Amino acid sequence: MSPDEAQTADSSAGSFKKKLITLVIVLGVMLIEGAAIFVVVRMTGESPEDLQAAELENREDLLKNMDAELPLGECDAINRKSGRSIVVHLVLYARVAADKQKNTLQLIEKRQSTIKDRVQMILRRADPQHLHEPNLDTIKRQIKFELDKILEDDELILEVLIPQILQTSERL
C-alpha cells in the first residue's frame, strides 16, 4: 500500500468517524428532546379518562337543561272544506322546557282525549291551503292555542311539532 493510499484510507476512516460521531450526537439530542417533551406533556396534560369523564358530565348537564319533546299522539281527520274529502293523518309532539317536562307529561296524559278531539276539530275546519303550507305554521299555531287552553298554561308548550303528516284526497 502506498503512502497516498494509506493517507486516503486514514482520511476516509477519520471522515467516517466524524460523521458517525455527529450522527450519534444528533440522535442523542433528539432522544433527550423527545423524552423532555414526553415528561412535560405527561406532567401538565390531563389523562384521557379525565377528559372522557368531563365530557360525560358536560353531556349530562346539557341533557338535563335541554328542552324535551313529548308525544301528543296521532290524529286522523277528514276535511271537506274544498268539496273533496281530504283524509289527514298526523303525528304530534310538543317541545317543553326541561324543568316542566314531568308536570306537562302528566297533564297531557290526563287530557289525551280532549287534545285529540281539539286537533281533529282544527283539521276538519282548516282551509285546504293551510294543510299545504310547507311548515304548517297556521295549523301548528292553532294547535298550540288549543293546547294552552286545555293545559291551562300558555308557557308549558314552547312549540308544536308535526314530524309526520299524510294526506289523501278523494272527490265527493
Protein backbone atom coordinates (compact mmCIF):
# COMPACT_ATOMS: atom_id res chain seq x y z
CA MET A 1 0.00 0.00 0.00
CA SER A 2 1.45 3.31 -0.98
CA PRO A 3 1.61 6.32 1.36
CA ASP A 4 -1.08 8.14 -0.66
CA GLU A 5 -3.44 5.21 -0.35
CA ALA A 6 -2.78 4.96 3.38
CA GLN A 7 -3.44 8.67 3.82
CA THR A 8 -6.66 8.39 1.83
CA ALA A 9 -7.76 5.40 3.90
CA ASP A 10 -6.95 7.27 7.12
CA SER A 11 -8.81 10.38 5.97
CA SER A 12 -11.87 8.39 4.89
CA ALA A 13 -11.80 6.49 8.21
CA GLY A 14 -11.47 9.82 10.05
CA SER A 15 -14.28 11.30 7.93
CA PHE A 16 -16.46 8.27 8.71
CA LYS A 17 -15.72 8.59 12.43
CA LYS A 18 -16.61 12.30 12.32
CA LYS A 19 -19.89 11.56 10.55
CA LEU A 20 -20.66 8.76 12.99
CA ILE A 21 -19.94 10.98 15.99
CA THR A 22 -22.12 13.77 14.53
CA LEU A 23 -24.95 11.29 13.88
CA VAL A 24 -24.72 9.89 17.42
CA ILE A 25 -24.78 13.43 18.89
CA VAL A 26 -27.81 14.44 16.77
CA LEU A 27 -29.70 11.24 17.69
CA GLY A 28 -28.81 11.73 21.36
CA VAL A 29 -30.10 15.32 21.34
CA MET A 30 -33.32 14.23 19.59
CA LEU A 31 -33.83 11.43 22.10
CA ILE A 32 -33.33 13.83 25.02
CA GLU A 33 -35.74 16.37 23.46
CA GLY A 34 -38.36 13.68 22.89
CA ALA A 35 -38.05 12.44 26.47
CA ALA A 36 -38.30 16.01 27.79
CA ILE A 37 -41.42 16.74 25.73
CA PHE A 38 -43.00 13.46 26.88
CA VAL A 39 -42.30 14.27 30.54
CA VAL A 40 -43.65 17.84 30.25
CA VAL A 41 -46.83 16.76 28.45
CA ARG A 42 -47.36 13.91 30.91
CA MET A 43 -47.00 16.23 33.91
CA THR A 44 -49.17 19.08 32.57
CA GLY A 45 -51.75 17.25 30.46
CA GLU A 46 -54.92 15.53 31.57
CA SER A 47 -55.37 11.82 31.17
CA PRO A 48 -57.86 10.51 28.60
CA GLU A 49 -60.02 9.16 31.43
CA ASP A 50 -60.28 12.64 32.97
CA LEU A 51 -61.23 14.14 29.62
CA GLN A 52 -63.86 11.45 29.00
CA ALA A 53 -65.34 11.94 32.47
CA ALA A 54 -65.50 15.71 31.95
CA GLU A 55 -67.11 15.20 28.55
CA LEU A 56 -69.74 12.87 30.03
CA GLU A 57 -70.54 15.37 32.78
CA ASN A 58 -70.95 18.12 30.18
CA ARG A 59 -73.30 15.92 28.15
CA GLU A 60 -75.36 15.06 31.22
CA ASP A 61 -75.64 18.75 32.14
CA LEU A 62 -76.62 19.57 28.57
CA LEU A 63 -79.28 16.84 28.53
CA LYS A 64 -80.69 17.99 31.87
CA ASN A 65 -81.11 21.53 30.57
CA MET A 66 -82.29 20.59 27.08
CA ASP A 67 -85.90 21.03 26.04
CA ALA A 68 -87.88 17.80 25.82
CA GLU A 69 -90.12 16.59 23.02
CA LEU A 70 -93.21 14.92 24.44
CA PRO A 71 -95.53 12.82 22.27
CA LEU A 72 -99.08 14.13 21.97
CA GLY A 73 -100.23 11.20 19.88
CA GLU A 74 -101.53 10.53 16.40
CA CYS A 75 -104.65 12.01 14.91
CA ASP A 76 -106.86 11.28 11.89
CA ALA A 77 -109.46 13.67 10.49
CA ILE A 78 -111.46 14.24 7.32
CA ASN A 79 -111.54 17.75 5.90
CA ARG A 80 -114.32 18.55 3.38
CA LYS A 81 -113.83 22.32 3.04
CA SER A 82 -112.78 22.23 -0.62
CA GLY A 83 -115.59 19.97 -1.86
CA ARG A 84 -113.27 16.99 -1.74
CA SER A 85 -112.61 14.71 1.18
CA ILE A 86 -109.06 15.12 2.40
CA VAL A 87 -108.06 12.47 4.91
CA VAL A 88 -105.33 13.84 7.15
CA HIS A 89 -103.18 11.72 9.44
CA LEU A 90 -100.59 13.43 11.61
CA VAL A 91 -98.23 12.67 14.44
CA LEU A 92 -97.86 15.38 17.09
CA TYR A 93 -95.17 16.27 19.60
CA ALA A 94 -94.80 19.20 21.95
CA ARG A 95 -91.49 20.82 22.82
CA VAL A 96 -91.39 21.79 26.51
CA ALA A 97 -88.78 23.19 28.87
CA ALA A 98 -86.74 20.56 30.70
CA ASP A 99 -87.82 21.71 34.14
CA LYS A 100 -91.52 21.45 33.20
CA GLN A 101 -91.31 18.11 31.42
CA LYS A 102 -92.70 15.86 34.16
CA ASN A 103 -95.64 18.11 35.02
CA THR A 104 -96.53 18.64 31.35
CA LEU A 105 -96.39 14.92 30.60
CA GLN A 106 -98.83 14.19 33.43
CA LEU A 107 -101.24 16.87 32.16
CA ILE A 108 -101.03 15.55 28.60
CA GLU A 109 -101.82 12.02 29.77
CA LYS A 110 -104.84 13.25 31.75
CA ARG A 111 -106.19 15.28 28.82
CA GLN A 112 -105.33 12.90 25.96
CA SER A 113 -108.90 12.56 24.62
CA THR A 114 -109.56 16.31 24.80
CA ILE A 115 -106.33 17.02 22.93
CA LYS A 116 -107.23 14.52 20.20
CA ASP A 117 -110.74 15.99 19.90
CA ARG A 118 -109.46 19.56 19.52
CA VAL A 119 -106.79 18.59 16.99
CA GLN A 120 -109.41 16.76 14.90
CA MET A 121 -111.65 19.84 15.09
CA ILE A 122 -108.80 22.05 13.86
CA LEU A 123 -108.06 19.68 10.98
CA ARG A 124 -111.74 19.40 9.96
CA ARG A 125 -112.14 23.22 9.94
CA ALA A 126 -108.79 24.02 8.30
CA ASP A 127 -108.64 25.71 4.91
CA PRO A 128 -107.03 23.37 2.39
CA GLN A 129 -104.28 25.96 1.77
CA HIS A 130 -103.27 25.70 5.45
CA LEU A 131 -102.88 21.95 5.09
CA HIS A 132 -100.50 22.51 2.17
CA GLU A 133 -98.23 25.09 3.82
CA PRO A 134 -94.58 23.99 3.77
CA ASN A 135 -94.11 24.46 7.54
CA LEU A 136 -97.76 24.04 8.58
CA ASP A 137 -97.38 27.25 10.61
CA THR A 138 -101.11 28.03 10.75
CA ILE A 139 -102.05 24.51 11.90
CA LYS A 140 -99.24 24.47 14.48
CA ARG A 141 -100.29 27.87 15.84
CA GLN A 142 -103.94 26.78 16.15
CA ILE A 143 -102.97 23.53 17.89
CA LYS A 144 -100.70 25.38 20.31
CA PHE A 145 -103.50 27.82 21.13
CA GLU A 146 -105.86 24.93 21.93
CA LEU A 147 -103.21 23.11 23.96
CA ASP A 148 -102.57 26.24 26.01
CA LYS A 149 -106.30 26.38 26.80
CA ILE A 150 -106.55 22.65 27.59
CA LEU A 151 -103.47 22.63 29.85
CA GLU A 152 -104.47 26.00 31.35
CA ASP A 153 -100.96 27.41 31.00
CA ASP A 154 -99.64 29.22 27.94
CA GLU A 155 -95.99 28.78 28.99
CA LEU A 156 -95.85 24.98 29.20
CA ILE A 157 -95.72 24.25 25.48
CA LEU A 158 -92.90 26.04 23.66
CA GLU A 159 -93.66 24.66 20.21
CA VAL A 160 -95.89 22.14 18.47
CA LEU A 161 -94.02 19.70 16.23
CA ILE A 162 -95.55 17.73 13.37
CA PRO A 163 -92.87 15.28 12.25
CA GLN A 164 -95.29 13.34 10.05
CA ILE A 165 -98.36 14.32 8.07
CA LEU A 166 -100.06 12.22 5.43
CA GLN A 167 -102.90 13.48 3.24
CA THR A 168 -105.06 11.69 0.73
CA SER A 169 -107.91 13.22 -1.19
CA GLU A 170 -110.99 11.87 -2.93
CA ARG A 171 -113.88 13.56 -4.80
CA LEU A 172 -117.25 13.61 -3.01
